[in-house]
N, C-alpha and C. Protein backbone atom coordinates (compact mmCIF):
# COMPACT_ATOMS: atom_id res chain seq x y z
N UNK A 1 -139.15 8.37 44.02
CA UNK A 1 -138.34 8.16 45.15
C UNK A 1 -139.15 7.50 46.23
N UNK A 2 -138.65 6.61 47.11
CA UNK A 2 -139.30 6.14 48.31
C UNK A 2 -138.91 7.21 49.38
N UNK A 3 -139.49 6.99 50.64
CA UNK A 3 -139.25 7.93 51.63
C UNK A 3 -137.83 8.15 51.97
N UNK A 4 -136.95 7.02 52.01
CA UNK A 4 -135.53 7.13 52.27
C UNK A 4 -134.85 7.91 51.19
N UNK A 5 -135.17 7.57 49.89
CA UNK A 5 -134.48 8.35 48.80
C UNK A 5 -134.86 9.87 48.82
N UNK A 6 -136.15 10.18 49.12
CA UNK A 6 -136.52 11.55 49.09
C UNK A 6 -135.65 12.25 50.16
N UNK A 7 -135.44 11.68 51.35
CA UNK A 7 -134.63 12.25 52.36
C UNK A 7 -133.19 12.43 52.01
N UNK A 8 -132.66 11.34 51.24
CA UNK A 8 -131.26 11.54 50.85
C UNK A 8 -131.13 11.40 49.32
N UNK A 9 -131.55 12.39 48.57
CA UNK A 9 -131.41 12.35 47.10
C UNK A 9 -130.04 12.20 46.70
N UNK A 10 -129.84 11.45 45.53
CA UNK A 10 -128.56 11.29 44.89
C UNK A 10 -128.14 12.47 44.00
N UNK A 11 -127.20 13.26 44.41
CA UNK A 11 -126.80 14.47 43.66
C UNK A 11 -125.41 14.22 43.22
N UNK A 12 -125.26 14.48 41.88
CA UNK A 12 -123.98 14.33 41.13
C UNK A 12 -123.23 15.70 41.23
N UNK A 13 -121.87 15.60 41.10
CA UNK A 13 -121.11 16.76 40.88
C UNK A 13 -120.33 16.45 39.55
N UNK A 14 -120.47 17.41 38.63
CA UNK A 14 -119.73 17.37 37.42
C UNK A 14 -118.32 17.42 37.61
N UNK A 15 -117.64 16.24 37.25
CA UNK A 15 -116.25 16.14 37.71
C UNK A 15 -115.23 16.32 36.73
N UNK A 16 -115.37 17.45 35.91
CA UNK A 16 -114.47 17.58 34.83
C UNK A 16 -113.33 18.61 35.22
N UNK A 17 -113.67 19.40 36.17
CA UNK A 17 -112.81 20.49 36.60
C UNK A 17 -113.39 21.15 37.87
N UNK A 18 -112.45 21.78 38.64
CA UNK A 18 -113.01 22.48 39.82
C UNK A 18 -113.04 21.74 41.15
N UNK A 19 -113.79 22.40 42.09
CA UNK A 19 -113.72 21.86 43.44
C UNK A 19 -114.69 20.76 43.58
N UNK A 20 -114.41 19.58 42.99
CA UNK A 20 -115.35 18.47 43.02
C UNK A 20 -115.40 17.81 44.38
N UNK A 21 -114.24 17.63 45.08
CA UNK A 21 -114.28 16.91 46.35
C UNK A 21 -114.98 17.82 47.43
N UNK A 22 -114.75 19.20 47.33
CA UNK A 22 -115.35 20.09 48.34
C UNK A 22 -116.94 20.03 48.19
N UNK A 23 -117.39 20.06 46.91
CA UNK A 23 -118.86 20.04 46.75
C UNK A 23 -119.38 18.61 47.26
N UNK A 24 -118.68 17.62 46.96
CA UNK A 24 -119.16 16.17 47.43
C UNK A 24 -119.35 16.26 48.96
N UNK A 25 -118.33 16.75 49.71
CA UNK A 25 -118.29 16.80 51.07
C UNK A 25 -119.47 17.76 51.62
N UNK A 26 -119.58 18.79 50.95
CA UNK A 26 -120.72 19.72 51.41
C UNK A 26 -122.09 19.08 51.23
N UNK A 27 -122.29 18.48 50.01
CA UNK A 27 -123.57 17.77 49.82
C UNK A 27 -123.88 16.72 50.78
N UNK A 28 -122.81 15.91 51.20
CA UNK A 28 -122.98 14.86 52.13
C UNK A 28 -123.38 15.43 53.45
N UNK A 29 -122.66 16.55 53.81
CA UNK A 29 -122.96 17.16 55.13
C UNK A 29 -124.41 17.71 55.17
N UNK A 30 -124.90 18.08 54.00
CA UNK A 30 -126.23 18.62 53.83
C UNK A 30 -127.27 17.65 53.79
N UNK A 31 -126.97 16.28 53.82
CA UNK A 31 -127.97 15.12 53.89
C UNK A 31 -128.19 14.44 52.64
N UNK A 32 -127.44 14.76 51.59
CA UNK A 32 -127.60 14.15 50.30
C UNK A 32 -126.57 12.91 50.12
N UNK A 33 -126.86 12.03 49.25
CA UNK A 33 -125.87 11.11 48.69
C UNK A 33 -125.27 11.83 47.62
N UNK A 34 -123.92 11.80 47.41
CA UNK A 34 -123.24 12.53 46.49
C UNK A 34 -122.11 11.66 45.67
N UNK A 35 -122.10 11.79 44.33
CA UNK A 35 -121.24 11.09 43.53
C UNK A 35 -120.69 11.95 42.39
N UNK A 36 -119.46 11.58 42.00
CA UNK A 36 -118.90 12.30 40.82
C UNK A 36 -119.49 11.91 39.55
N UNK A 37 -119.64 12.84 38.60
CA UNK A 37 -120.18 12.50 37.31
C UNK A 37 -119.21 12.83 36.22
N UNK A 38 -118.74 11.81 35.50
CA UNK A 38 -117.82 12.07 34.36
C UNK A 38 -118.37 11.35 33.10
N UNK A 39 -119.40 10.59 33.21
CA UNK A 39 -119.97 9.85 32.05
C UNK A 39 -121.41 9.98 31.98
N UNK A 40 -122.02 9.81 30.70
CA UNK A 40 -123.50 9.90 30.57
C UNK A 40 -124.20 9.00 31.47
N UNK A 41 -123.82 7.71 31.68
CA UNK A 41 -124.36 6.71 32.47
C UNK A 41 -124.43 7.18 33.96
N UNK A 42 -123.42 7.96 34.43
CA UNK A 42 -123.45 8.40 35.71
C UNK A 42 -124.43 9.50 35.88
N UNK A 43 -124.59 10.43 34.90
CA UNK A 43 -125.54 11.51 34.90
C UNK A 43 -127.04 10.90 34.91
N UNK A 44 -127.16 9.79 34.23
CA UNK A 44 -128.50 9.25 34.15
C UNK A 44 -129.17 8.79 35.47
N UNK A 45 -128.23 8.44 36.34
CA UNK A 45 -128.55 7.90 37.67
C UNK A 45 -128.83 8.89 38.78
N UNK A 46 -128.49 10.16 38.57
CA UNK A 46 -128.67 11.08 39.61
C UNK A 46 -129.96 11.88 39.53
N UNK A 47 -130.48 12.44 40.74
CA UNK A 47 -131.58 13.21 40.91
C UNK A 47 -131.36 14.68 40.58
N UNK A 48 -130.07 15.02 40.69
CA UNK A 48 -129.80 16.45 40.58
C UNK A 48 -128.28 16.54 40.23
N UNK A 49 -127.79 17.76 39.92
CA UNK A 49 -126.44 17.91 39.51
C UNK A 49 -125.89 19.38 39.96
N UNK A 50 -124.67 19.23 40.42
CA UNK A 50 -123.83 20.48 40.80
C UNK A 50 -122.81 20.63 39.64
N UNK A 51 -122.66 21.93 39.24
CA UNK A 51 -121.65 22.25 38.18
C UNK A 51 -120.71 23.19 38.92
N UNK A 52 -119.52 22.80 39.23
CA UNK A 52 -118.55 23.54 40.05
C UNK A 52 -117.83 24.62 39.25
N UNK A 53 -117.16 25.37 40.04
CA UNK A 53 -116.31 26.49 39.44
C UNK A 53 -115.09 25.80 38.60
N UNK A 54 -114.43 26.73 37.98
CA UNK A 54 -113.22 26.31 37.17
C UNK A 54 -113.15 27.29 35.97
N UNK A 55 -113.05 26.81 34.78
CA UNK A 55 -112.89 27.67 33.60
C UNK A 55 -114.06 27.19 32.69
N UNK A 56 -114.93 28.13 32.50
CA UNK A 56 -116.17 27.83 31.70
C UNK A 56 -115.93 27.33 30.32
N UNK A 57 -114.98 27.88 29.66
CA UNK A 57 -114.58 27.46 28.26
C UNK A 57 -114.02 25.97 28.28
N UNK A 58 -113.31 25.72 29.36
CA UNK A 58 -112.81 24.39 29.54
C UNK A 58 -113.88 23.37 29.81
N UNK A 59 -114.86 23.73 30.65
CA UNK A 59 -115.96 22.87 30.97
C UNK A 59 -116.80 22.57 29.80
N UNK A 60 -117.03 23.61 29.01
CA UNK A 60 -117.78 23.49 27.77
C UNK A 60 -117.12 22.50 26.79
N UNK A 61 -115.81 22.67 26.66
CA UNK A 61 -114.97 21.73 25.69
C UNK A 61 -114.97 20.30 26.31
N UNK A 62 -114.73 20.17 27.54
CA UNK A 62 -114.65 18.73 28.14
C UNK A 62 -115.94 18.05 28.14
N UNK A 63 -117.06 18.81 28.38
CA UNK A 63 -118.32 18.26 28.30
C UNK A 63 -118.73 17.69 27.02
N UNK A 64 -118.27 18.27 25.92
CA UNK A 64 -118.48 17.81 24.61
C UNK A 64 -117.55 16.59 24.30
N UNK A 65 -116.27 16.61 24.79
CA UNK A 65 -115.40 15.49 24.68
C UNK A 65 -115.84 14.26 25.31
N UNK A 66 -116.49 14.42 26.61
CA UNK A 66 -117.01 13.27 27.34
C UNK A 66 -118.44 12.90 27.03
N UNK A 67 -119.04 13.57 26.03
CA UNK A 67 -120.27 13.25 25.50
C UNK A 67 -121.38 13.57 26.60
N UNK A 68 -121.18 14.69 27.31
CA UNK A 68 -121.96 15.01 28.49
C UNK A 68 -122.89 16.28 28.06
N UNK A 69 -122.41 16.99 27.11
CA UNK A 69 -122.98 18.35 26.91
C UNK A 69 -124.46 18.27 26.65
N UNK A 70 -124.85 17.52 25.64
CA UNK A 70 -126.25 17.37 25.24
C UNK A 70 -127.13 16.72 26.32
N UNK A 71 -126.58 15.58 26.95
CA UNK A 71 -127.36 14.96 28.04
C UNK A 71 -127.67 15.84 29.17
N UNK A 72 -126.64 16.71 29.56
CA UNK A 72 -126.88 17.70 30.61
C UNK A 72 -127.90 18.71 30.24
N UNK A 73 -127.74 19.30 29.04
CA UNK A 73 -128.63 20.24 28.55
C UNK A 73 -130.06 19.80 28.47
N UNK A 74 -130.27 18.51 28.10
CA UNK A 74 -131.52 17.93 28.01
C UNK A 74 -132.16 17.71 29.40
N UNK A 75 -131.37 17.28 30.30
CA UNK A 75 -132.00 16.90 31.66
C UNK A 75 -132.26 18.28 32.30
N UNK A 76 -131.52 19.27 32.20
CA UNK A 76 -131.87 20.47 32.79
C UNK A 76 -133.13 21.10 32.20
N UNK A 77 -133.24 20.98 30.93
CA UNK A 77 -134.56 21.40 30.25
C UNK A 77 -135.77 20.68 30.69
N UNK A 78 -135.48 19.41 30.99
CA UNK A 78 -136.47 18.44 31.50
C UNK A 78 -136.93 18.69 33.00
N UNK A 79 -136.13 19.52 33.63
CA UNK A 79 -136.56 19.90 35.10
C UNK A 79 -135.61 19.39 36.10
N UNK A 80 -134.45 18.81 35.84
CA UNK A 80 -133.54 18.36 36.76
C UNK A 80 -133.07 19.46 37.60
N UNK A 81 -133.16 19.38 38.93
CA UNK A 81 -132.54 20.38 39.77
C UNK A 81 -131.01 20.47 39.63
N UNK A 82 -130.56 21.68 39.47
CA UNK A 82 -129.20 22.01 39.14
C UNK A 82 -128.71 23.15 39.86
N UNK A 83 -127.44 23.09 40.43
CA UNK A 83 -126.74 24.21 41.13
C UNK A 83 -125.47 24.47 40.35
N UNK A 84 -125.22 25.66 39.95
CA UNK A 84 -123.88 26.07 39.44
C UNK A 84 -123.21 27.11 40.29
N UNK A 85 -121.94 27.00 40.54
CA UNK A 85 -121.23 27.86 41.22
C UNK A 85 -120.04 28.53 40.43
N UNK A 86 -119.91 29.80 40.34
CA UNK A 86 -118.92 30.47 39.67
C UNK A 86 -118.87 30.17 38.16
N UNK A 87 -118.04 29.44 37.62
CA UNK A 87 -118.11 28.99 36.24
C UNK A 87 -119.37 28.33 35.94
N UNK A 88 -119.83 27.51 37.00
CA UNK A 88 -121.17 26.84 36.86
C UNK A 88 -122.37 27.72 36.54
N UNK A 89 -122.26 28.92 37.17
CA UNK A 89 -123.27 29.96 36.88
C UNK A 89 -123.29 30.33 35.39
N UNK A 90 -121.99 30.52 34.82
CA UNK A 90 -121.89 30.92 33.44
C UNK A 90 -122.44 29.73 32.65
N UNK A 91 -122.25 28.43 32.97
CA UNK A 91 -122.67 27.33 32.17
C UNK A 91 -124.15 27.28 32.20
N UNK A 92 -124.83 27.84 33.13
CA UNK A 92 -126.31 27.74 33.36
C UNK A 92 -127.00 28.96 32.57
N UNK A 93 -126.20 30.01 32.30
CA UNK A 93 -126.88 31.18 31.75
C UNK A 93 -127.33 30.96 30.32
N UNK A 94 -128.51 31.46 30.08
CA UNK A 94 -129.06 31.45 28.72
C UNK A 94 -128.29 32.41 27.82
N UNK A 95 -127.72 33.50 28.41
CA UNK A 95 -127.03 34.62 27.69
C UNK A 95 -125.73 34.96 28.41
N UNK A 96 -124.73 35.11 27.53
CA UNK A 96 -123.38 35.35 28.17
C UNK A 96 -122.67 36.50 27.46
N UNK A 97 -122.07 37.27 28.23
CA UNK A 97 -121.20 38.45 27.84
C UNK A 97 -119.73 38.05 28.22
N UNK A 98 -118.79 38.32 27.36
CA UNK A 98 -117.44 38.07 27.65
C UNK A 98 -116.90 36.70 27.39
N UNK A 99 -117.75 35.86 26.80
CA UNK A 99 -117.25 34.51 26.41
C UNK A 99 -116.57 34.38 25.17
N UNK A 100 -116.09 33.30 24.72
CA UNK A 100 -115.37 33.11 23.42
C UNK A 100 -116.43 33.04 22.43
N UNK A 101 -116.04 33.22 21.17
CA UNK A 101 -117.00 33.27 20.02
C UNK A 101 -117.75 31.90 19.88
N UNK A 102 -117.08 30.81 20.16
CA UNK A 102 -117.74 29.52 20.01
C UNK A 102 -118.23 28.91 21.23
N UNK A 103 -118.23 29.75 22.41
CA UNK A 103 -118.53 29.10 23.74
C UNK A 103 -120.10 28.83 23.81
N UNK A 104 -120.37 27.62 24.30
CA UNK A 104 -121.84 27.20 24.48
C UNK A 104 -122.00 27.03 25.93
N UNK A 105 -123.34 27.19 26.32
CA UNK A 105 -123.72 26.93 27.70
C UNK A 105 -124.85 25.83 27.75
N UNK A 106 -125.05 25.27 28.79
CA UNK A 106 -126.12 24.33 29.07
C UNK A 106 -127.52 25.14 29.17
N UNK A 107 -127.49 26.32 29.59
CA UNK A 107 -128.65 27.03 29.74
C UNK A 107 -129.60 26.62 30.92
N UNK A 108 -130.78 27.14 31.04
CA UNK A 108 -131.56 26.84 32.13
C UNK A 108 -132.03 28.06 33.02
N UNK A 109 -131.18 29.16 32.91
CA UNK A 109 -131.46 30.31 33.63
C UNK A 109 -131.68 31.47 32.76
N UNK A 110 -132.87 32.18 32.82
CA UNK A 110 -133.06 33.31 31.99
C UNK A 110 -132.34 34.57 32.40
N UNK A 111 -131.01 34.50 32.33
CA UNK A 111 -130.15 35.52 32.87
C UNK A 111 -129.09 35.83 31.80
N UNK A 112 -128.57 37.16 31.94
CA UNK A 112 -127.34 37.57 31.19
C UNK A 112 -126.23 37.65 32.23
N UNK A 113 -125.14 36.92 31.95
CA UNK A 113 -124.06 36.74 32.91
C UNK A 113 -122.78 37.42 32.15
N UNK A 114 -122.06 38.15 32.97
CA UNK A 114 -120.81 38.60 32.44
C UNK A 114 -119.65 37.89 33.00
N UNK A 115 -118.84 37.21 32.10
CA UNK A 115 -117.77 36.31 32.58
C UNK A 115 -116.60 37.19 33.07
N UNK A 116 -116.00 36.74 34.25
CA UNK A 116 -114.82 37.39 34.89
C UNK A 116 -115.19 38.89 35.15
N UNK A 117 -116.38 39.08 35.54
CA UNK A 117 -116.82 40.54 35.78
C UNK A 117 -116.16 41.22 36.89
N UNK A 118 -115.76 40.41 37.98
CA UNK A 118 -115.12 41.04 39.06
C UNK A 118 -113.60 41.18 38.91
N UNK A 119 -113.01 40.65 37.79
CA UNK A 119 -111.64 40.90 37.45
C UNK A 119 -110.90 39.56 37.60
N UNK A 120 -109.62 39.68 37.63
CA UNK A 120 -108.65 38.58 37.51
C UNK A 120 -108.53 37.88 38.88
N UNK A 121 -107.62 36.73 38.86
CA UNK A 121 -107.33 36.13 40.14
C UNK A 121 -106.91 37.03 41.24
N UNK A 122 -106.14 37.96 40.99
CA UNK A 122 -105.63 38.80 41.99
C UNK A 122 -106.70 39.77 42.54
N UNK A 123 -107.88 39.89 41.87
CA UNK A 123 -108.98 40.65 42.29
C UNK A 123 -110.03 39.85 43.12
N UNK A 124 -109.65 38.65 43.52
CA UNK A 124 -110.45 37.88 44.36
C UNK A 124 -110.75 38.59 45.70
N UNK A 125 -111.90 38.35 46.26
CA UNK A 125 -112.33 39.00 47.48
C UNK A 125 -113.32 38.10 48.23
N UNK A 126 -113.66 38.53 49.44
CA UNK A 126 -114.61 37.85 50.33
C UNK A 126 -115.49 38.84 50.92
N UNK A 127 -116.80 38.50 51.19
CA UNK A 127 -117.84 39.52 51.70
C UNK A 127 -118.97 38.68 52.32
N UNK A 128 -119.45 39.37 53.42
CA UNK A 128 -120.70 38.79 53.95
C UNK A 128 -121.87 39.24 53.10
N UNK A 129 -122.88 38.31 52.76
CA UNK A 129 -123.87 38.54 51.88
C UNK A 129 -125.29 38.22 52.69
N UNK A 130 -126.29 38.94 52.39
CA UNK A 130 -127.65 38.55 52.81
C UNK A 130 -128.20 37.71 51.63
N UNK A 131 -128.59 36.41 52.08
CA UNK A 131 -129.03 35.37 51.16
C UNK A 131 -130.42 35.09 51.39
N UNK A 132 -131.41 35.17 50.51
CA UNK A 132 -132.78 34.91 50.65
C UNK A 132 -132.99 33.49 51.19
N UNK A 133 -133.72 33.32 52.36
CA UNK A 133 -133.98 32.12 52.92
C UNK A 133 -133.07 31.69 54.03
N UNK A 134 -131.90 32.46 54.15
CA UNK A 134 -130.88 32.11 55.31
C UNK A 134 -131.10 33.29 56.29
N UNK A 135 -131.14 32.87 57.66
CA UNK A 135 -131.34 33.83 58.66
C UNK A 135 -130.16 34.76 58.93
N UNK A 136 -129.01 34.26 58.91
CA UNK A 136 -127.81 34.88 59.21
C UNK A 136 -127.01 35.12 57.74
N UNK A 137 -126.19 36.22 57.78
CA UNK A 137 -125.45 36.48 56.66
C UNK A 137 -124.44 35.30 56.22
N UNK A 138 -124.15 35.30 54.92
CA UNK A 138 -123.53 34.12 54.37
C UNK A 138 -122.06 34.72 53.95
N UNK A 139 -121.03 33.99 54.38
CA UNK A 139 -119.62 34.44 54.00
C UNK A 139 -119.41 33.91 52.64
N UNK A 140 -119.05 34.78 51.59
CA UNK A 140 -118.98 34.49 50.28
C UNK A 140 -117.58 34.69 49.72
N UNK A 141 -116.98 33.71 48.97
CA UNK A 141 -115.64 33.85 48.40
C UNK A 141 -115.74 33.96 46.92
N UNK A 142 -115.24 35.08 46.43
CA UNK A 142 -115.38 35.34 44.97
C UNK A 142 -114.01 35.26 44.36
N UNK A 143 -113.90 34.38 43.40
CA UNK A 143 -112.54 34.16 42.62
C UNK A 143 -112.74 34.15 41.12
N UNK A 144 -112.29 35.21 40.50
CA UNK A 144 -112.49 35.48 39.05
C UNK A 144 -114.01 35.32 38.76
N UNK A 145 -114.75 35.90 39.54
CA UNK A 145 -116.23 35.63 39.47
C UNK A 145 -117.07 36.34 38.46
N UNK A 146 -118.08 35.75 37.98
CA UNK A 146 -119.01 36.49 37.11
C UNK A 146 -119.98 37.23 37.91
N UNK A 147 -120.85 38.07 37.30
CA UNK A 147 -121.97 38.52 37.97
C UNK A 147 -123.13 38.59 36.91
N UNK A 148 -124.29 38.72 37.46
CA UNK A 148 -125.57 38.69 36.57
C UNK A 148 -125.91 40.11 36.27
N UNK A 149 -125.97 40.39 34.97
CA UNK A 149 -126.34 41.74 34.58
C UNK A 149 -127.83 41.99 34.35
N UNK A 150 -128.48 40.95 34.20
CA UNK A 150 -129.87 41.12 33.83
C UNK A 150 -130.66 39.73 34.06
N UNK A 151 -131.89 39.84 34.55
CA UNK A 151 -132.61 38.62 34.99
C UNK A 151 -133.96 38.80 34.21
N UNK A 152 -134.50 37.49 33.89
CA UNK A 152 -135.77 37.35 33.24
C UNK A 152 -136.86 37.51 34.25
N UNK A 153 -138.13 37.51 33.80
CA UNK A 153 -139.25 37.76 34.69
C UNK A 153 -139.43 36.58 35.63
N UNK A 154 -138.99 35.37 35.28
CA UNK A 154 -139.17 34.21 36.16
C UNK A 154 -138.00 33.96 37.10
N UNK A 155 -137.10 34.80 37.13
CA UNK A 155 -135.84 34.49 37.95
C UNK A 155 -135.96 35.34 39.36
N UNK A 156 -135.72 34.55 40.40
CA UNK A 156 -135.65 35.15 41.66
C UNK A 156 -134.14 35.48 42.01
N UNK A 157 -133.95 36.70 42.48
CA UNK A 157 -132.67 37.20 43.00
C UNK A 157 -132.44 36.61 44.43
N UNK A 158 -131.40 35.78 44.68
CA UNK A 158 -131.17 35.40 45.99
C UNK A 158 -130.18 36.20 46.76
N UNK A 159 -129.25 36.88 46.10
CA UNK A 159 -128.22 37.71 46.91
C UNK A 159 -127.62 38.63 45.86
N UNK A 160 -127.31 39.86 46.53
CA UNK A 160 -126.62 40.88 45.77
C UNK A 160 -125.36 41.36 46.67
N UNK A 161 -124.31 41.92 45.97
CA UNK A 161 -123.28 42.44 46.70
C UNK A 161 -123.77 43.62 47.47
N UNK A 162 -123.35 43.86 48.79
CA UNK A 162 -123.90 44.98 49.57
C UNK A 162 -123.49 46.36 48.93
N UNK A 163 -124.27 47.21 49.28
CA UNK A 163 -124.00 48.60 48.71
C UNK A 163 -122.82 49.33 49.24
N UNK A 164 -122.33 48.69 50.41
CA UNK A 164 -121.19 49.32 51.04
C UNK A 164 -119.95 48.53 50.70
N UNK A 165 -119.97 47.73 49.65
CA UNK A 165 -118.86 46.87 49.26
C UNK A 165 -117.67 47.80 49.04
N UNK A 166 -116.54 47.29 49.48
CA UNK A 166 -115.31 48.08 49.25
C UNK A 166 -114.83 48.17 47.71
N UNK A 167 -115.26 47.07 46.95
CA UNK A 167 -114.82 47.04 45.54
C UNK A 167 -115.62 47.94 44.71
N UNK A 168 -114.81 48.80 43.94
CA UNK A 168 -115.53 49.74 43.11
C UNK A 168 -116.32 49.00 42.04
N UNK A 169 -117.54 49.39 41.77
CA UNK A 169 -118.45 48.81 40.72
C UNK A 169 -119.03 47.57 41.11
N UNK A 170 -118.76 46.98 42.36
CA UNK A 170 -119.37 45.77 42.74
C UNK A 170 -120.76 45.96 43.44
N UNK A 171 -120.95 47.08 44.05
CA UNK A 171 -122.16 47.31 44.98
C UNK A 171 -123.44 47.05 44.07
N UNK A 172 -124.29 46.19 44.74
CA UNK A 172 -125.69 46.00 44.19
C UNK A 172 -125.57 44.96 42.96
N UNK A 173 -124.55 44.35 42.70
CA UNK A 173 -124.37 43.34 41.66
C UNK A 173 -125.09 42.09 42.12
N UNK A 174 -125.80 41.41 41.21
CA UNK A 174 -126.54 40.28 41.48
C UNK A 174 -125.49 39.01 41.49
N UNK A 175 -125.48 38.20 42.55
CA UNK A 175 -124.55 37.08 42.66
C UNK A 175 -125.12 35.74 43.03
N UNK A 176 -126.46 35.73 43.06
CA UNK A 176 -127.08 34.36 43.33
C UNK A 176 -128.49 34.47 42.82
N UNK A 177 -128.95 33.48 42.09
CA UNK A 177 -130.31 33.53 41.53
C UNK A 177 -130.92 32.11 41.46
N UNK A 178 -132.25 32.07 41.30
CA UNK A 178 -133.00 30.71 41.21
C UNK A 178 -134.11 30.96 40.15
N UNK A 179 -134.24 29.88 39.33
CA UNK A 179 -135.47 29.85 38.42
C UNK A 179 -135.88 28.49 38.43
N UNK A 180 -137.15 28.37 39.04
CA UNK A 180 -137.63 26.98 39.32
C UNK A 180 -136.57 26.09 39.94
N UNK A 181 -136.21 24.95 39.34
CA UNK A 181 -135.30 24.04 40.01
C UNK A 181 -133.89 24.26 39.79
N UNK A 182 -133.49 25.41 39.09
CA UNK A 182 -132.09 25.76 38.86
C UNK A 182 -131.69 26.96 39.62
N UNK A 183 -130.48 26.80 40.31
CA UNK A 183 -130.06 27.98 40.97
C UNK A 183 -128.55 28.09 40.72
N UNK A 184 -127.91 29.19 40.95
CA UNK A 184 -126.52 29.53 40.66
C UNK A 184 -126.09 30.68 41.60
N UNK A 185 -124.79 30.56 41.90
CA UNK A 185 -124.01 31.66 42.61
C UNK A 185 -122.83 32.08 41.95
N UNK A 186 -122.37 33.23 42.04
CA UNK A 186 -121.17 33.82 41.53
C UNK A 186 -120.00 33.31 42.26
N UNK A 187 -120.20 33.06 43.55
CA UNK A 187 -119.17 32.76 44.57
C UNK A 187 -119.11 31.27 44.73
N UNK A 188 -118.10 30.88 45.65
CA UNK A 188 -117.85 29.57 45.95
C UNK A 188 -118.34 29.08 47.26
N UNK A 189 -119.50 28.52 47.39
CA UNK A 189 -119.99 28.25 48.75
C UNK A 189 -119.27 27.00 49.26
N UNK A 190 -118.69 26.21 48.38
CA UNK A 190 -118.04 24.94 48.83
C UNK A 190 -116.68 25.06 49.63
N UNK A 191 -116.06 26.34 49.54
CA UNK A 191 -114.90 26.51 50.25
C UNK A 191 -114.91 27.46 51.39
N UNK A 192 -116.13 27.87 51.75
CA UNK A 192 -116.29 28.85 52.96
C UNK A 192 -116.60 28.22 54.25
N UNK A 193 -116.65 26.88 54.28
CA UNK A 193 -116.96 26.27 55.53
C UNK A 193 -118.40 26.37 56.00
N UNK A 194 -119.29 26.72 55.09
CA UNK A 194 -120.68 26.95 55.38
C UNK A 194 -121.55 26.16 54.51
N UNK A 195 -122.26 25.17 54.93
CA UNK A 195 -123.02 24.33 54.00
C UNK A 195 -124.45 24.77 53.73
N UNK A 196 -124.77 26.05 54.13
CA UNK A 196 -126.21 26.38 54.09
C UNK A 196 -126.75 26.45 52.58
N UNK A 197 -125.87 26.90 51.72
CA UNK A 197 -126.32 26.98 50.29
C UNK A 197 -126.49 25.49 49.77
N UNK A 198 -125.67 24.65 50.13
CA UNK A 198 -125.94 23.23 49.72
C UNK A 198 -127.14 22.58 50.34
N UNK A 199 -127.41 22.92 51.66
CA UNK A 199 -128.67 22.57 52.30
C UNK A 199 -129.90 23.18 51.52
N UNK A 200 -129.78 24.49 51.22
CA UNK A 200 -130.81 25.10 50.39
C UNK A 200 -131.13 24.31 49.19
N UNK A 201 -130.03 23.90 48.47
CA UNK A 201 -130.27 23.23 47.29
C UNK A 201 -130.72 21.86 47.42
N UNK A 202 -130.27 21.07 48.45
CA UNK A 202 -130.74 19.70 48.70
C UNK A 202 -132.29 19.75 49.09
N UNK A 203 -132.66 20.84 49.75
CA UNK A 203 -134.05 20.90 50.06
C UNK A 203 -134.90 21.15 48.72
N UNK A 204 -134.28 21.94 47.85
CA UNK A 204 -134.86 22.16 46.61
C UNK A 204 -135.04 20.79 45.76
N UNK A 205 -134.02 19.93 45.87
CA UNK A 205 -134.13 18.68 45.25
C UNK A 205 -135.17 17.82 45.87
N UNK A 206 -135.31 17.89 47.24
CA UNK A 206 -136.42 17.03 47.80
C UNK A 206 -137.76 17.58 47.32
N UNK A 207 -137.92 18.86 47.37
CA UNK A 207 -139.25 19.41 46.97
C UNK A 207 -139.54 19.08 45.43
N UNK A 208 -138.52 19.03 44.63
CA UNK A 208 -138.79 18.73 43.20
C UNK A 208 -139.52 17.40 43.08
N UNK A 209 -139.29 16.38 43.93
CA UNK A 209 -140.04 15.13 43.92
C UNK A 209 -139.70 14.34 42.70
N UNK A 210 -140.37 13.22 42.59
CA UNK A 210 -140.07 12.18 41.58
C UNK A 210 -140.36 12.74 40.15
N UNK A 211 -141.24 13.58 39.89
CA UNK A 211 -141.74 13.97 38.59
C UNK A 211 -140.58 14.71 37.88
N UNK A 212 -139.67 15.35 38.60
CA UNK A 212 -138.63 16.06 37.85
C UNK A 212 -137.18 15.61 38.26
N UNK A 213 -137.26 14.54 39.02
CA UNK A 213 -135.87 13.92 39.39
C UNK A 213 -135.87 12.49 38.96
N UNK A 214 -136.27 11.56 39.74
CA UNK A 214 -136.29 10.16 39.40
C UNK A 214 -136.78 9.82 38.09
N UNK A 215 -137.99 10.40 37.73
CA UNK A 215 -138.61 9.99 36.50
C UNK A 215 -137.80 10.45 35.26
N UNK A 216 -137.20 11.73 35.39
CA UNK A 216 -136.50 12.22 34.28
C UNK A 216 -135.14 11.40 34.17
N UNK A 217 -134.53 10.90 35.29
CA UNK A 217 -133.39 10.01 35.21
C UNK A 217 -133.75 8.74 34.53
N UNK A 218 -134.90 8.12 34.84
CA UNK A 218 -135.32 6.96 34.17
C UNK A 218 -135.49 7.22 32.63
N UNK A 219 -136.20 8.37 32.32
CA UNK A 219 -136.38 8.73 31.03
C UNK A 219 -135.07 8.85 30.22
N UNK A 220 -134.10 9.49 30.79
CA UNK A 220 -132.82 9.51 30.21
C UNK A 220 -132.12 8.24 29.94
N UNK A 221 -132.30 7.28 30.94
CA UNK A 221 -131.68 6.02 30.73
C UNK A 221 -132.33 5.22 29.62
N UNK A 222 -133.71 5.46 29.47
CA UNK A 222 -134.33 4.90 28.30
C UNK A 222 -133.93 5.38 26.97
N UNK A 223 -133.55 6.61 26.95
CA UNK A 223 -133.18 7.29 25.71
C UNK A 223 -131.66 6.95 25.32
N UNK A 224 -130.89 6.65 26.55
CA UNK A 224 -129.48 6.28 26.26
C UNK A 224 -129.21 4.89 25.84
């Protein structure tokens, strides 16, 4: 990256399902260039990727149909900064509970995630969270959200549901994590009107630098 590119990295949003426009708007507000990614060639050009919410089984199937599954998996393994929200968290988990028998994930986070852990659509809720690195509480929106049941030794917990949560069984559940250049949230930061999670991620992309962003994109282009 030159200085200008480092300041405004190119971040893709996987545009197969979910709140694509909302993520694009948040990333631009956070100081990044942002583009929709639907094809391998578009993935090759980005410095980082956001995997939005939606239906994880559908994202899995569509990513195979559009020939994106293996390229995404390979770039994450090569160090591409990646943010997953809600279903995106499921897609980044190395281990999954509650998925379908043939469901695959991109991996990248040494975590065990339980799909639809907080319940169905009618069980959606909102709560203020303490988020590592943010001075003020973060308003989080949970919609058919997963939670993290277990983290590996290299995973940092960024947020947990408060112990005084009104929802039975939700108190203390892990809802945001980071492992090196990969981070994920159970909730939808793109729809709460607060761009601080996206700013956190864009800063992570800047810190990753050319060795894990631009160079891996060039490497992917050569392989494609």
